Amino acid sequence: MRRLTLALLIAVGAALPANAACPAPVAGDTAAAIEANQQRLVCLQRELSQNSEQYQFKVEINALDQRVQQLEMQRRFDALNLPKPVTPVF
C-alpha cells in the first residue's frame, strides 16, 4: 500500500507544472516597477495555488490510505472466525 501512495505522490508531482521562482520585488513607484510587482504577486498566487492543490492531494491520498488500512484490518478481523459470545439468560 505504501508503494501505491508513493506512486500517486510521484504522479501528482509530475503532473503539476514545475514551480518557477518568482522574481524579486522591485523598488520604486514607476509604472514599470508597479507592473513588475504585480507580475510577482500573480506568480506568488500561482505558486500558492499549486502548493495548496498539492497539499490537498496529499491529504486525500492519506485519507484513502487510512481507509484501505481500516478495510484490511476489518478483513483480517473477520477472517478470525471467532465464536459468537453467549449472552446469559436470566
C-alpha atoms as a PDB file:
ATOM      1  CA  MET A   1       0.000   0.000   0.000  1.00  0.00           C
ATOM      2  CA  ARG A   2       2.899   2.348   0.725  1.00  0.00           C
ATOM      3  CA  ARG A   3       4.132   1.776  -2.821  1.00  0.00           C
ATOM      4  CA  LEU A   4       0.780   2.895  -4.189  1.00  0.00           C
ATOM      5  CA  THR A   5       0.893   6.051  -2.073  1.00  0.00           C
ATOM      6  CA  LEU A   6       4.417   6.818  -3.200  1.00  0.00           C
ATOM      7  CA  ALA A   7       3.492   6.198  -6.837  1.00  0.00           C
ATOM      8  CA  LEU A   8       0.484   8.509  -6.552  1.00  0.00           C
ATOM      9  CA  LEU A   9       2.574  11.259  -4.972  1.00  0.00           C
ATOM     10  CA  ILE A  10       5.150  10.981  -7.747  1.00  0.00           C
ATOM     11  CA  ALA A  11       2.438  11.047 -10.404  1.00  0.00           C
ATOM     12  CA  VAL A  12       0.787  14.105  -8.879  1.00  0.00           C
ATOM     13  CA  GLY A  13       4.139  15.857  -8.611  1.00  0.00           C
ATOM     14  CA  ALA A  14       4.969  15.097 -12.226  1.00  0.00           C
ATOM     15  CA  ALA A  15       1.544  16.161 -13.491  1.00  0.00           C
ATOM     16  CA  LEU A  16       1.742  19.615 -11.973  1.00  0.00           C
ATOM     17  CA  PRO A  17       3.915  22.140 -13.772  1.00  0.00           C
ATOM     18  CA  ALA A  18       7.273  22.927 -12.271  1.00  0.00           C
ATOM     19  CA  ASN A  19       7.269  25.902  -9.930  1.00  0.00           C
ATOM     20  CA  ALA A  20       9.285  28.739 -11.378  1.00  0.00           C
ATOM     21  CA  ALA A  21      10.936  31.054  -8.927  1.00  0.00           C
ATOM     22  CA  CYS A  22       9.126  34.347  -8.774  1.00  0.00           C
ATOM     23  CA  PRO A  23      11.167  37.476  -9.372  1.00  0.00           C
ATOM     24  CA  ALA A  24      12.331  39.631  -6.503  1.00  0.00           C
ATOM     25  CA  PRO A  25      10.312  42.699  -5.587  1.00  0.00           C
ATOM     26  CA  VAL A  26      11.191  45.866  -7.452  1.00  0.00           C
ATOM     27  CA  ALA A  27      11.676  49.111  -5.512  1.00  0.00           C
ATOM     28  CA  GLY A  28      10.130  52.317  -6.722  1.00  0.00           C
ATOM     29  CA  ASP A  29       6.809  53.710  -7.771  1.00  0.00           C
ATOM     30  CA  THR A  30       7.270  53.944 -11.502  1.00  0.00           C
ATOM     31  CA  ALA A  31       4.835  52.264 -13.853  1.00  0.00           C
ATOM     32  CA  ALA A  32       7.431  49.616 -14.727  1.00  0.00           C
ATOM     33  CA  ALA A  33       8.129  48.863 -11.054  1.00  0.00           C
ATOM     34  CA  ILE A  34       4.422  48.614 -10.262  1.00  0.00           C
ATOM     35  CA  GLU A  35       3.869  46.297 -13.250  1.00  0.00           C
ATOM     36  CA  ALA A  36       6.828  44.110 -12.201  1.00  0.00           C
ATOM     37  CA  ASN A  37       5.481  43.856  -8.659  1.00  0.00           C
ATOM     38  CA  GLN A  38       2.025  42.972  -9.982  1.00  0.00           C
ATOM     39  CA  GLN A  39       3.538  40.170 -12.069  1.00  0.00           C
ATOM     40  CA  ARG A  40       5.435  38.995  -8.986  1.00  0.00           C
ATOM     41  CA  LEU A  41       2.206  38.874  -6.977  1.00  0.00           C
ATOM     42  CA  VAL A  42       0.468  36.904  -9.720  1.00  0.00           C
ATOM     43  CA  CYS A  43       3.401  34.480  -9.740  1.00  0.00           C
ATOM     44  CA  LEU A  44       3.247  34.100  -5.937  1.00  0.00           C
ATOM     45  CA  GLN A  45      -0.507  33.492  -6.117  1.00  0.00           C
ATOM     46  CA  ARG A  46       0.036  30.742  -8.707  1.00  0.00           C
ATOM     47  CA  GLU A  47       2.659  29.100  -6.521  1.00  0.00           C
ATOM     48  CA  LEU A  48       0.346  29.289  -3.520  1.00  0.00           C
ATOM     49  CA  SER A  49      -2.474  27.768  -5.534  1.00  0.00           C
ATOM     50  CA  GLN A  50      -0.251  24.924  -6.766  1.00  0.00           C
ATOM     51  CA  ASN A  51       1.058  24.257  -3.266  1.00  0.00           C
ATOM     52  CA  SER A  52      -2.499  24.234  -1.975  1.00  0.00           C
ATOM     53  CA  GLU A  53      -3.552  21.706  -4.619  1.00  0.00           C
ATOM     54  CA  GLN A  54      -0.548  19.502  -3.852  1.00  0.00           C
ATOM     55  CA  TYR A  55      -1.366  19.611  -0.146  1.00  0.00           C
ATOM     56  CA  GLN A  56      -4.995  18.728  -0.852  1.00  0.00           C
ATOM     57  CA  PHE A  57      -3.877  15.765  -2.979  1.00  0.00           C
ATOM     58  CA  LYS A  58      -1.626  14.585  -0.159  1.00  0.00           C
ATOM     59  CA  VAL A  59      -4.471  14.861   2.342  1.00  0.00           C
ATOM     60  CA  GLU A  60      -6.778  12.875   0.058  1.00  0.00           C
ATOM     61  CA  ILE A  61      -4.120  10.224  -0.552  1.00  0.00           C
ATOM     62  CA  ASN A  62      -3.503   9.887   3.190  1.00  0.00           C
ATOM     63  CA  ALA A  63      -7.243   9.565   3.843  1.00  0.00           C
ATOM     64  CA  LEU A  64      -7.539   6.864   1.176  1.00  0.00           C
ATOM     65  CA  ASP A  65      -4.506   5.071   2.604  1.00  0.00           C
ATOM     66  CA  GLN A  66      -6.028   5.105   6.088  1.00  0.00           C
ATOM     67  CA  ARG A  67      -9.342   3.816   4.734  1.00  0.00           C
ATOM     68  CA  VAL A  68      -7.582   0.961   2.941  1.00  0.00           C
ATOM     69  CA  GLN A  69      -5.725   0.084   6.136  1.00  0.00           C
ATOM     70  CA  GLN A  70      -9.007   0.066   8.067  1.00  0.00           C
ATOM     71  CA  LEU A  71     -10.592  -2.219   5.478  1.00  0.00           C
ATOM     72  CA  GLU A  72      -7.608  -4.575   5.567  1.00  0.00           C
ATOM     73  CA  MET A  73      -7.752  -4.697   9.357  1.00  0.00           C
ATOM     74  CA  GLN A  74     -11.503  -5.371   9.287  1.00  0.00           C
ATOM     75  CA  ARG A  75     -10.977  -8.129   6.722  1.00  0.00           C
ATOM     76  CA  ARG A  76      -8.330  -9.750   8.920  1.00  0.00           C
ATOM     77  CA  PHE A  77     -10.593  -9.484  11.951  1.00  0.00           C
ATOM     78  CA  ASP A  78     -13.492 -11.020  10.046  1.00  0.00           C
ATOM     79  CA  ALA A  79     -11.232 -13.871   8.919  1.00  0.00           C
ATOM     80  CA  LEU A  80     -10.515 -14.885  12.526  1.00  0.00           C
ATOM     81  CA  ASN A  81     -13.880 -16.684  12.786  1.00  0.00           C
ATOM     82  CA  LEU A  82     -14.198 -16.081  16.497  1.00  0.00           C
ATOM     83  CA  PRO A  83     -17.045 -17.889  18.253  1.00  0.00           C
ATOM     84  CA  LYS A  84     -20.055 -15.735  18.929  1.00  0.00           C
ATOM     85  CA  PRO A  85     -20.347 -14.741  22.562  1.00  0.00           C
ATOM     86  CA  VAL A  86     -23.070 -16.416  24.587  1.00  0.00           C
ATOM     87  CA  THR A  87     -25.323 -13.998  26.379  1.00  0.00           C
ATOM     88  CA  PRO A  88     -26.655 -15.177  29.691  1.00  0.00           C
ATOM     89  CA  VAL A  89     -30.393 -15.594  30.058  1.00  0.00           C
ATOM     90  CA  PHE A  90     -31.902 -14.505  33.362  1.00  0.00           C
END
